[in-house]
Amino acid sequence: MILFLIGQSSGQSNPIMGLLPLILIFVVFYFLLILPQQRKQKQHRKLVSELQKGDRVTTSSGIRGTIANVKDDTITLLIADGVKIELEKGHIVNKLNPSGS
């Protein structure tokens, strides 16, 4: 009963003040997690769309090779003399410099 009276004596609180911590948490998550991930996805889509025959690339599994053929959603990767693998474009994570580094 005493706690109820103490709560009543402080007056009515603003409902927006109750939501303010949740709003601040969402804003922090947006700038620290969501926005950087969206930028990274945009860069990856750009990288995948610019792939051409002859580019040296690295796959998500760490395989390095030269693109032998580009199709709509797959590429053929030459990883050694006479050894070709076909994989989805989404597995390309990095485009290497022409020097191979």
PDB file of N, CA and C in Angstrom:
ATOM      1  N   MET A   1       0.821  -1.182   0.000  1.00  0.00           N
ATOM      2  CA  MET A   1       0.000   0.000   0.000  1.00  0.00           C
ATOM      3  C   MET A   1       0.867   1.249   0.000  1.00  0.00           C
ATOM      4  N   ILE A   2       1.935   1.238   0.739  1.00  0.00           N
ATOM      5  CA  ILE A   2       2.815   2.408   0.807  1.00  0.00           C
ATOM      6  C   ILE A   2       3.488   2.647  -0.541  1.00  0.00           C
ATOM      7  N   LEU A   3       3.923   1.585  -1.216  1.00  0.00           N
ATOM      8  CA  LEU A   3       4.551   1.738  -2.519  1.00  0.00           C
ATOM      9  C   LEU A   3       3.580   2.328  -3.528  1.00  0.00           C
ATOM     10  N   PHE A   4       2.336   1.947  -3.435  1.00  0.00           N
ATOM     11  CA  PHE A   4       1.333   2.478  -4.341  1.00  0.00           C
ATOM     12  C   PHE A   4       1.163   3.977  -4.121  1.00  0.00           C
ATOM     13  N   LEU A   5       1.157   4.395  -2.885  1.00  0.00           N
ATOM     14  CA  LEU A   5       0.999   5.819  -2.568  1.00  0.00           C
ATOM     15  C   LEU A   5       2.225   6.613  -2.994  1.00  0.00           C
ATOM     16  N   ILE A   6       3.415   6.034  -2.873  1.00  0.00           N
ATOM     17  CA  ILE A   6       4.631   6.734  -3.285  1.00  0.00           C
ATOM     18  C   ILE A   6       4.635   6.926  -4.794  1.00  0.00           C
ATOM     19  N   GLY A   7       4.206   5.900  -5.522  1.00  0.00           N
ATOM     20  CA  GLY A   7       4.132   5.996  -6.977  1.00  0.00           C
ATOM     21  C   GLY A   7       3.121   7.040  -7.411  1.00  0.00           C
ATOM     22  N   GLN A   8       2.044   7.174  -6.696  1.00  0.00           N
ATOM     23  CA  GLN A   8       1.014   8.140  -7.038  1.00  0.00           C
ATOM     24  C   GLN A   8       1.467   9.564  -6.743  1.00  0.00           C
ATOM     25  N   SER A   9       2.284   9.745  -5.746  1.00  0.00           N
ATOM     26  CA  SER A   9       2.668  11.100  -5.346  1.00  0.00           C
ATOM     27  C   SER A   9       3.618  11.738  -6.356  1.00  0.00           C
ATOM     28  N   SER A  10       4.311  10.938  -7.159  1.00  0.00           N
ATOM     29  CA  SER A  10       5.245  11.516  -8.131  1.00  0.00           C
ATOM     30  C   SER A  10       4.528  12.074  -9.347  1.00  0.00           C
ATOM     31  N   GLY A  11       3.252  11.839  -9.491  1.00  0.00           N
ATOM     32  CA  GLY A  11       2.495  12.356 -10.613  1.00  0.00           C
ATOM     33  C   GLY A  11       2.510  11.369 -11.765  1.00  0.00           C
ATOM     34  N   GLN A  12       1.860  11.723 -12.836  1.00  0.00           N
ATOM     35  CA  GLN A  12       1.801  10.843 -13.991  1.00  0.00           C
ATOM     36  C   GLN A  12       3.065  11.007 -14.816  1.00  0.00           C
ATOM     37  N   SER A  13       3.628   9.886 -15.247  1.00  0.00           N
ATOM     38  CA  SER A  13       4.833   9.936 -16.066  1.00  0.00           C
ATOM     39  C   SER A  13       4.448  10.031 -17.533  1.00  0.00           C
ATOM     40  N   ASN A  14       5.323  10.593 -18.305  1.00  0.00           N
ATOM     41  CA  ASN A  14       5.115  10.742 -19.740  1.00  0.00           C
ATOM     42  C   ASN A  14       5.317   9.374 -20.403  1.00  0.00           C
ATOM     43  N   PRO A  15       4.375   8.899 -21.213  1.00  0.00           N
ATOM     44  CA  PRO A  15       4.526   7.575 -21.840  1.00  0.00           C
ATOM     45  C   PRO A  15       5.714   7.513 -22.802  1.00  0.00           C
ATOM     46  N   ILE A  16       6.080   8.638 -23.371  1.00  0.00           N
ATOM     47  CA  ILE A  16       7.232   8.669 -24.281  1.00  0.00           C
ATOM     48  C   ILE A  16       8.523   8.390 -23.508  1.00  0.00           C
ATOM     49  N   MET A  17       8.597   8.837 -22.287  1.00  0.00           N
ATOM     50  CA  MET A  17       9.804   8.596 -21.476  1.00  0.00           C
ATOM     51  C   MET A  17       9.977   7.107 -21.193  1.00  0.00           C
ATOM     52  N   GLY A  18       8.902   6.362 -21.143  1.00  0.00           N
ATOM     53  CA  GLY A  18       8.983   4.919 -20.951  1.00  0.00           C
ATOM     54  C   GLY A  18       9.520   4.206 -22.187  1.00  0.00           C
ATOM     55  N   LEU A  19       9.262   4.767 -23.358  1.00  0.00           N
ATOM     56  CA  LEU A  19       9.726   4.172 -24.607  1.00  0.00           C
ATOM     57  C   LEU A  19      11.112   4.675 -25.012  1.00  0.00           C
ATOM     58  N   LEU A  20      11.565   5.734 -24.407  1.00  0.00           N
ATOM     59  CA  LEU A  20      12.849   6.335 -24.783  1.00  0.00           C
ATOM     60  C   LEU A  20      14.021   5.357 -24.710  1.00  0.00           C
ATOM     61  N   PRO A  21      14.179   4.545 -23.678  1.00  0.00           N
ATOM     62  CA  PRO A  21      15.291   3.581 -23.671  1.00  0.00           C
ATOM     63  C   PRO A  21      15.229   2.591 -24.830  1.00  0.00           C
ATOM     64  N   LEU A  22      14.031   2.124 -25.173  1.00  0.00           N
ATOM     65  CA  LEU A  22      13.891   1.194 -26.295  1.00  0.00           C
ATOM     66  C   LEU A  22      14.257   1.866 -27.617  1.00  0.00           C
ATOM     67  N   ILE A  23      13.852   3.106 -27.780  1.00  0.00           N
ATOM     68  CA  ILE A  23      14.178   3.849 -28.995  1.00  0.00           C
ATOM     69  C   ILE A  23      15.684   4.055 -29.092  1.00  0.00           C
ATOM     70  N   LEU A  24      16.316   4.418 -27.997  1.00  0.00           N
ATOM     71  CA  LEU A  24      17.768   4.616 -28.000  1.00  0.00           C
ATOM     72  C   LEU A  24      18.510   3.323 -28.311  1.00  0.00           C
ATOM     73  N   ILE A  25      18.047   2.213 -27.776  1.00  0.00           N
ATOM     74  CA  ILE A  25      18.677   0.917 -28.057  1.00  0.00           C
ATOM     75  C   ILE A  25      18.550   0.588 -29.539  1.00  0.00           C
ATOM     76  N   PHE A  26      17.373   0.824 -30.128  1.00  0.00           N
ATOM     77  CA  PHE A  26      17.188   0.561 -31.546  1.00  0.00           C
ATOM     78  C   PHE A  26      18.103   1.431 -32.395  1.00  0.00           C
ATOM     79  N   VAL A  27      18.239   2.704 -32.048  1.00  0.00           N
ATOM     80  CA  VAL A  27      19.111   3.607 -32.811  1.00  0.00           C
ATOM     81  C   VAL A  27      20.560   3.146 -32.738  1.00  0.00           C
ATOM     82  N   VAL A  28      21.014   2.742 -31.566  1.00  0.00           N
ATOM     83  CA  VAL A  28      22.386   2.256 -31.411  1.00  0.00           C
ATOM     84  C   VAL A  28      22.592   0.986 -32.233  1.00  0.00           C
ATOM     85  N   PHE A  29      21.667   0.054 -32.170  1.00  0.00           N
ATOM     86  CA  PHE A  29      21.772  -1.172 -32.964  1.00  0.00           C
ATOM     87  C   PHE A  29      21.785  -0.866 -34.452  1.00  0.00           C
ATOM     88  N   TYR A  30      20.984   0.097 -34.863  1.00  0.00           N
ATOM     89  CA  TYR A  30      20.933   0.437 -36.284  1.00  0.00           C
ATOM     90  C   TYR A  30      22.295   0.935 -36.761  1.00  0.00           C
ATOM     91  N   PHE A  31      22.892   1.861 -36.028  1.00  0.00           N
ATOM     92  CA  PHE A  31      24.158   2.447 -36.473  1.00  0.00           C
ATOM     93  C   PHE A  31      25.356   1.523 -36.267  1.00  0.00           C
ATOM     94  N   LEU A  32      25.297   0.637 -35.281  1.00  0.00           N
ATOM     95  CA  LEU A  32      26.434  -0.243 -35.015  1.00  0.00           C
ATOM     96  C   LEU A  32      26.347  -1.595 -35.717  1.00  0.00           C
ATOM     97  N   LEU A  33      25.141  -2.078 -36.010  1.00  0.00           N
ATOM     98  CA  LEU A  33      25.001  -3.408 -36.590  1.00  0.00           C
ATOM     99  C   LEU A  33      24.337  -3.416 -37.965  1.00  0.00           C
ATOM    100  N   ILE A  34      23.199  -2.802 -38.081  1.00  0.00           N
ATOM    101  CA  ILE A  34      22.413  -2.914 -39.301  1.00  0.00           C
ATOM    102  C   ILE A  34      23.027  -2.138 -40.457  1.00  0.00           C
ATOM    103  N   LEU A  35      23.367  -0.882 -40.253  1.00  0.00           N
ATOM    104  CA  LEU A  35      23.909  -0.049 -41.327  1.00  0.00           C
ATOM    105  C   LEU A  35      25.229  -0.590 -41.886  1.00  0.00           C
ATOM    106  N   PRO A  36      26.206  -0.980 -41.047  1.00  0.00           N
ATOM    107  CA  PRO A  36      27.433  -1.556 -41.624  1.00  0.00           C
ATOM    108  C   PRO A  36      27.188  -2.845 -42.405  1.00  0.00           C
ATOM    109  N   GLN A  37      26.248  -3.674 -41.953  1.00  0.00           N
ATOM    110  CA  GLN A  37      25.944  -4.911 -42.671  1.00  0.00           C
ATOM    111  C   GLN A  37      25.317  -4.611 -44.027  1.00  0.00           C
ATOM    112  N   GLN A  38      24.459  -3.606 -44.095  1.00  0.00           N
ATOM    113  CA  GLN A  38      23.860  -3.228 -45.374  1.00  0.00           C
ATOM    114  C   GLN A  38      24.923  -2.717 -46.342  1.00  0.00           C
ATOM    115  N   ARG A  39      25.877  -1.943 -45.845  1.00  0.00           N
ATOM    116  CA  ARG A  39      26.969  -1.450 -46.688  1.00  0.00           C
ATOM    117  C   ARG A  39      27.817  -2.601 -47.216  1.00  0.00           C
ATOM    118  N   LYS A  40      28.097  -3.566 -46.348  1.00  0.00           N
ATOM    119  CA  LYS A  40      28.892  -4.722 -46.754  1.00  0.00           C
ATOM    120  C   LYS A  40      28.160  -5.535 -47.818  1.00  0.00           C
ATOM    121  N   GLN A  41      26.865  -5.735 -47.663  1.00  0.00           N
ATOM    122  CA  GLN A  41      26.084  -6.473 -48.652  1.00  0.00           C
ATOM    123  C   GLN A  41      26.059  -5.737 -49.990  1.00  0.00           C
ATOM    124  N   LYS A  42      25.967  -4.429 -49.949  1.00  0.00           N
ATOM    125  CA  LYS A  42      25.955  -3.635 -51.177  1.00  0.00           C
ATOM    126  C   LYS A  42      27.293  -3.764 -51.907  1.00  0.00           C
ATOM    127  N   GLN A  43      28.407  -3.717 -51.162  1.00  0.00           N
ATOM    128  CA  GLN A  43      29.730  -3.885 -51.764  1.00  0.00           C
ATOM    129  C   GLN A  43      29.871  -5.276 -52.377  1.00  0.00           C
ATOM    130  N   HIS A  44      29.358  -6.309 -51.700  1.00  0.00           N
ATOM    131  CA  HIS A  44      29.464  -7.671 -52.203  1.00  0.00           C
ATOM    132  C   HIS A  44      28.649  -7.843 -53.479  1.00  0.00           C
ATOM    133  N   ARG A  45      27.437  -7.280 -53.512  1.00  0.00           N
ATOM    134  CA  ARG A  45      26.622  -7.348 -54.731  1.00  0.00           C
ATOM    135  C   ARG A  45      27.339  -6.670 -55.894  1.00  0.00           C
ATOM    136  N   LYS A  46      28.001  -5.545 -55.623  1.00  0.00           N
ATOM    137  CA  LYS A  46      28.740  -4.836 -56.668  1.00  0.00           C
ATOM    138  C   LYS A  46      29.903  -5.700 -57.159  1.00  0.00           C
ATOM    139  N   LEU A  47      30.643  -6.310 -56.232  1.00  0.00           N
ATOM    140  CA  LEU A  47      31.769  -7.175 -56.588  1.00  0.00           C
ATOM    141  C   LEU A  47      31.296  -8.323 -57.471  1.00  0.00           C
ATOM    142  N   VAL A  48      30.222  -8.983 -57.090  1.00  0.00           N
ATOM    143  CA  VAL A  48      29.710 -10.134 -57.833  1.00  0.00           C
ATOM    144  C   VAL A  48      29.222  -9.715 -59.223  1.00  0.00           C
ATOM    145  N   SER A  49      28.598  -8.558 -59.320  1.00  0.00           N
ATOM    146  CA  SER A  49      28.076  -8.123 -60.614  1.00  0.00           C
ATOM    147  C   SER A  49      29.180  -7.724 -61.589  1.00  0.00           C
ATOM    148  N   GLU A  50      30.360  -7.372 -61.076  1.00  0.00           N
ATOM    149  CA  GLU A  50      31.469  -6.929 -61.929  1.00  0.00           C
ATOM    150  C   GLU A  50      32.447  -8.043 -62.290  1.00  0.00           C
ATOM    151  N   LEU A  51      32.157  -9.293 -61.911  1.00  0.00           N
ATOM    152  CA  LEU A  51      33.068 -10.392 -62.217  1.00  0.00           C
ATOM    153  C   LEU A  51      33.148 -10.627 -63.716  1.00  0.00           C
ATOM    154  N   GLN A  52      34.388 -10.825 -64.200  1.00  0.00           N
ATOM    155  CA  GLN A  52      34.618 -11.057 -65.622  1.00  0.00           C
ATOM    156  C   GLN A  52      35.576 -12.233 -65.800  1.00  0.00           C
ATOM    157  N   LYS A  53      35.572 -12.776 -67.002  1.00  0.00           N
ATOM    158  CA  LYS A  53      36.492 -13.849 -67.335  1.00  0.00           C
ATOM    159  C   LYS A  53      37.925 -13.332 -67.196  1.00  0.00           C
ATOM    160  N   GLY A  54      38.774 -14.121 -66.540  1.00  0.00           N
ATOM    161  CA  GLY A  54      40.171 -13.751 -66.350  1.00  0.00           C
ATOM    162  C   GLY A  54      40.473 -13.115 -64.995  1.00  0.00           C
ATOM    163  N   ASP A  55      39.453 -12.747 -64.229  1.00  0.00           N
ATOM    164  CA  ASP A  55      39.679 -12.167 -62.892  1.00  0.00           C
ATOM    165  C   ASP A  55      40.182 -13.236 -61.937  1.00  0.00           C
ATOM    166  N   ARG A  56      41.139 -12.854 -61.095  1.00  0.00           N
ATOM    167  CA  ARG A  56      41.609 -13.739 -60.031  1.00  0.00           C
ATOM    168  C   ARG A  56      40.782 -13.446 -58.796  1.00  0.00           C
ATOM    169  N   VAL A  57      40.225 -14.512 -58.203  1.00  0.00           N
ATOM    170  CA  VAL A  57      39.303 -14.341 -57.086  1.00  0.00           C
ATOM    171  C   VAL A  57      39.606 -15.334 -55.970  1.00  0.00           C
ATOM    172  N   THR A  58      39.032 -15.058 -54.803  1.00  0.00           N
ATOM    173  CA  THR A  58      39.082 -15.966 -53.661  1.00  0.00           C
ATOM    174  C   THR A  58      37.657 -16.332 -53.298  1.00  0.00           C
ATOM    175  N   THR A  59      37.413 -17.616 -53.028  1.00  0.00           N
ATOM    176  CA  THR A  59      36.078 -18.069 -52.639  1.00  0.00           C
ATOM    177  C   THR A  59      35.935 -18.018 -51.123  1.00  0.00           C
ATOM    178  N   SER A  60      34.717 -18.241 -50.651  1.00  0.00           N
ATOM    179  CA  SER A  60      34.456 -18.235 -49.214  1.00  0.00           C
ATOM    180  C   SER A  60      35.175 -19.375 -48.497  1.00  0.00           C
ATOM    181  N   SER A  61      35.538 -20.424 -49.224  1.00  0.00           N
ATOM    182  CA  SER A  61      36.259 -21.538 -48.612  1.00  0.00           C
ATOM    183  C   SER A  61      37.780 -21.367 -48.709  1.00  0.00           C
ATOM    184  N   GLY A  62      38.229 -20.264 -49.299  1.00  0.00           N
ATOM    185  CA  GLY A  62      39.653 -19.974 -49.366  1.00  0.00           C
ATOM    186  C   GLY A  62      40.333 -20.431 -50.636  1.00  0.00           C
ATOM    187  N   ILE A  63      39.586 -20.936 -51.587  1.00  0.00           N
ATOM    188  CA  ILE A  63      40.166 -21.383 -52.855  1.00  0.00           C
ATOM    189  C   ILE A  63      40.416 -20.169 -53.738  1.00  0.00           C
ATOM    190  N   ARG A  64      41.623 -20.096 -54.285  1.00  0.00           N
ATOM    191  CA  ARG A  64      41.962 -19.021 -55.202  1.00  0.00           C
ATOM    192  C   ARG A  64      42.048 -19.588 -56.609  1.00  0.00           C
ATOM    193  N   GLY A  65      41.580 -18.800 -57.565  1.00  0.00           N
ATOM    194  CA  GLY A  65      41.639 -19.246 -58.941  1.00  0.00           C
ATOM    195  C   GLY A  65      41.303 -18.129 -59.901  1.00  0.00           C
ATOM    196  N   THR A  66      41.281 -18.477 -61.175  1.00  0.00           N
ATOM    197  CA  THR A  66      40.976 -17.533 -62.248  1.00  0.00           C
ATOM    198  C   THR A  66      39.632 -17.904 -62.853  1.00  0.00           C
ATOM    199  N   ILE A  67      38.811 -16.925 -63.094  1.00  0.00           N
ATOM    200  CA  ILE A  67      37.499 -17.179 -63.670  1.00  0.00           C
ATOM    201  C   ILE A  67      37.662 -17.567 -65.131  1.00  0.00           C
ATOM    202  N   ALA A  68      37.126 -18.747 -65.487  1.00  0.00           N
ATOM    203  CA  ALA A  68      37.200 -19.243 -66.854  1.00  0.00           C
ATOM    204  C   ALA A  68      35.916 -18.963 -67.623  1.00  0.00           C
ATOM    205  N   ASN A  69      34.786 -18.875 -66.908  1.00  0.00           N
ATOM    206  CA  ASN A  69      33.498 -18.651 -67.561  1.00  0.00           C
ATOM    207  C   ASN A  69      32.543 -18.025 -66.553  1.00  0.00           C
ATOM    208  N   VAL A  70      31.726 -17.083 -67.022  1.00  0.00           N
ATOM    209  CA  VAL A  70      30.733 -16.432 -66.171  1.00  0.00           C
ATOM    210  C   VAL A  70      29.350 -16.685 -66.760  1.00  0.00           C
ATOM    211  N   LYS A  71      28.451 -17.214 -65.944  1.00  0.00           N
ATOM    212  CA  LYS A  71      27.061 -17.422 -66.339  1.00  0.00           C
ATOM    213  C   LYS A  71      26.181 -16.504 -65.491  1.00  0.00           C
ATOM    214  N   ASP A  72      24.867 -16.685 -65.594  1.00  0.00           N
ATOM    215  CA  ASP A  72      23.948 -15.818 -64.854  1.00  0.00           C
ATOM    216  C   ASP A  72      24.174 -15.866 -63.347  1.00  0.00           C
ATOM    217  N   ASP A  73      24.183 -17.062 -62.771  1.00  0.00           N
ATOM    218  CA  ASP A  73      24.330 -17.178 -61.328  1.00  0.00           C
ATOM    219  C   ASP A  73      25.487 -18.071 -60.895  1.00  0.00           C
ATOM    220  N   THR A  74      26.268 -18.577 -61.851  1.00  0.00           N
ATOM    221  CA  THR A  74      27.427 -19.414 -61.522  1.00  0.00           C
ATOM    222  C   THR A  74      28.648 -18.943 -62.292  1.00  0.00           C
ATOM    223  N   ILE A  75      29.796 -19.386 -61.819  1.00  0.00           N
ATOM    224  CA  ILE A  75      31.060 -19.143 -62.518  1.00  0.00           C
ATOM    225  C   ILE A  75      31.828 -20.458 -62.573  1.00  0.00           C
ATOM    226  N   THR A  76      32.705 -20.559 -63.562  1.00  0.00           N
ATOM    227  CA  THR A  76      33.628 -21.686 -63.630  1.00  0.00           C
ATOM    228  C   THR A  76      34.990 -21.140 -63.244  1.00  0.00           C
ATOM    229  N   LEU A  77      35.604 -21.768 -62.257  1.00  0.00           N
ATOM    230  CA  LEU A  77      36.862 -21.283 -61.700  1.00  0.00           C
ATOM    231  C   LEU A  77      37.976 -22.267 -62.037  1.00  0.00           C
ATOM    232  N   LEU A  78      39.026 -21.777 -62.643  1.00  0.00           N
ATOM    233  CA  LEU A  78      40.203 -22.577 -62.962  1.00  0.00           C
ATOM    234  C   LEU A  78      41.154 -22.472 -61.779  1.00  0.00           C
ATOM    235  N   ILE A  79      41.350 -23.588 -61.059  1.00  0.00           N
ATOM    236  CA  ILE A  79      42.168 -23.543 -59.850  1.00  0.00           C
ATOM    237  C   ILE A  79      43.548 -24.166 -60.049  1.00  0.00           C
ATOM    238  N   ALA A  80      43.721 -24.944 -61.099  1.00  0.00           N
ATOM    239  CA  ALA A  80      45.018 -25.528 -61.466  1.00  0.00           C
ATOM    240  C   ALA A  80      44.931 -25.901 -62.946  1.00  0.00           C
ATOM    241  N   ASP A  81      46.047 -26.320 -63.534  1.00  0.00           N
ATOM    242  CA  ASP A  81      46.029 -26.694 -64.944  1.00  0.00           C
ATOM    243  C   ASP A  81      45.040 -27.826 -65.174  1.00  0.00           C
ATOM    244  N   GLY A  82      43.991 -27.540 -65.922  1.00  0.00           N
ATOM    245  CA  GLY A  82      42.993 -28.552 -66.252  1.00  0.00           C
ATOM    246  C   GLY A  82      41.985 -28.842 -65.154  1.00  0.00           C
ATOM    247  N   VAL A  83      42.046 -28.143 -64.035  1.00  0.00           N
ATOM    248  CA  VAL A  83      41.112 -28.387 -62.928  1.00  0.00           C
ATOM    249  C   VAL A  83      40.158 -27.193 -62.834  1.00  0.00           C
ATOM    250  N   LYS A  84      38.892 -27.463 -63.152  1.00  0.00           N
ATOM    251  CA  LYS A  84      37.877 -26.414 -63.107  1.00  0.00           C
ATOM    252  C   LYS A  84      36.772 -26.830 -62.152  1.00  0.00           C
ATOM    253  N   ILE A  85      36.248 -25.857 -61.436  1.00  0.00           N
ATOM    254  CA  ILE A  85      35.098 -26.093 -60.570  1.00  0.00           C
ATOM    255  C   ILE A  85      34.040 -25.048 -60.896  1.00  0.00           C
ATOM    256  N   GLU A  86      32.798 -25.436 -60.725  1.00  0.00           N
ATOM    257  CA  GLU A  86      31.697 -24.514 -60.953  1.00  0.00           C
ATOM    258  C   GLU A  86      31.055 -24.200 -59.608  1.00  0.00           C
ATOM    259  N   LEU A  87      30.878 -22.925 -59.320  1.00  0.00           N
ATOM    260  CA  LEU A  87      30.251 -22.535 -58.076  1.00  0.00           C
ATOM    261  C   LEU A  87      29.406 -21.291 -58.259  1.00  0.00           C
ATOM    262  N   GLU A  88      28.577 -21.025 -57.274  1.00  0.00           N
ATOM    263  CA  GLU A  88      27.701 -19.872 -57.326  1.00  0.00           C
ATOM    264  C   GLU A  88      28.494 -18.591 -57.124  1.00  0.00           C
ATOM    265  N   LYS A  89      28.034 -17.533 -57.766  1.00  0.00           N
ATOM    266  CA  LYS A  89      28.729 -16.255 -57.681  1.00  0.00           C
ATOM    267  C   LYS A  89      28.799 -15.722 -56.252  1.00  0.00           C
ATOM    268  N   GLY A  90      27.810 -16.043 -55.454  1.00  0.00           N
ATOM    269  CA  GLY A  90      27.761 -15.549 -54.081  1.00  0.00           C
ATOM    270  C   GLY A  90      28.901 -16.036 -53.205  1.00  0.00           C
ATOM    271  N   HIS A  91      29.598 -17.087 -53.642  1.00  0.00           N
ATOM    272  CA  HIS A  91      30.705 -17.625 -52.849  1.00  0.00           C
ATOM    273  C   HIS A  91      32.022 -16.894 -53.100  1.00  0.00           C
ATOM    274  N   ILE A  92      32.026 -15.952 -54.026  1.00  0.00           N
ATOM    275  CA  ILE A  92      33.222 -15.144 -54.263  1.00  0.00           C
ATOM    276  C   ILE A  92      33.247 -14.041 -53.214  1.00  0.00           C
ATOM    277  N   VAL A  93      34.352 -13.957 -52.474  1.00  0.00           N
ATOM    278  CA  VAL A  93      34.430 -12.966 -51.408  1.00  0.00           C
ATOM    279  C   VAL A  93      35.451 -11.870 -51.680  1.00  0.00           C
ATOM    280  N   ASN A  94      36.379 -12.111 -52.621  1.00  0.00           N
ATOM    281  CA  ASN A  94      37.427 -11.123 -52.837  1.00  0.00           C
ATOM    282  C   ASN A  94      37.937 -11.229 -54.259  1.00  0.00           C
ATOM    283  N   LYS A  95      38.211 -10.104 -54.837  1.00  0.00           N
ATOM    284  CA  LYS A  95      38.838 -10.037 -56.157  1.00  0.00           C
ATOM    285  C   LYS A  95      40.291  -9.637 -55.935  1.00  0.00           C
ATOM    286  N   LEU A  96      41.204 -10.493 -56.406  1.00  0.00           N
ATOM    287  CA  LEU A  96      42.628 -10.276 -56.167  1.00  0.00           C
ATOM    288  C   LEU A  96      43.212  -9.321 -57.198  1.00  0.00           C
ATOM    289  N   ASN A  97      44.322  -8.724 -56.829  1.00  0.00           N
ATOM    290  CA  ASN A  97      45.060  -7.872 -57.767  1.00  0.00           C
ATOM    291  C   ASN A  97      45.615  -8.736 -58.903  1.00  0.00           C
ATOM    292  N   PRO A  98      45.861  -8.153 -60.057  1.00  0.00           N
ATOM    293  CA  PRO A  98      46.414  -8.943 -61.182  1.00  0.00           C
ATOM    294  C   PRO A  98      47.734  -9.636 -60.853  1.00  0.00           C
ATOM    295  N   SER A  99      48.466  -9.112 -59.884  1.00  0.00           N
ATOM    296  CA  SER A  99      49.731  -9.736 -59.519  1.00  0.00           C
ATOM    297  C   SER A  99      49.529 -11.022 -58.716  1.00  0.00           C
ATOM    298  N   GLY A 100      48.274 -11.260 -58.248  1.00  0.00           N
ATOM    299  CA  GLY A 100      47.964 -12.501 -57.525  1.00  0.00           C
ATOM    300  C   GLY A 100      48.113 -12.385 -56.038  1.00  0.00           C
ATOM    301  N   SER A 101      48.362 -11.202 -55.511  1.00  0.00           N
ATOM    302  CA  SER A 101      48.503 -11.043 -54.062  1.00  0.00           C
ATOM    303  C   SER A 101      47.198 -10.838 -53.380  1.00  0.00           C
TER     304      SER A 101
END
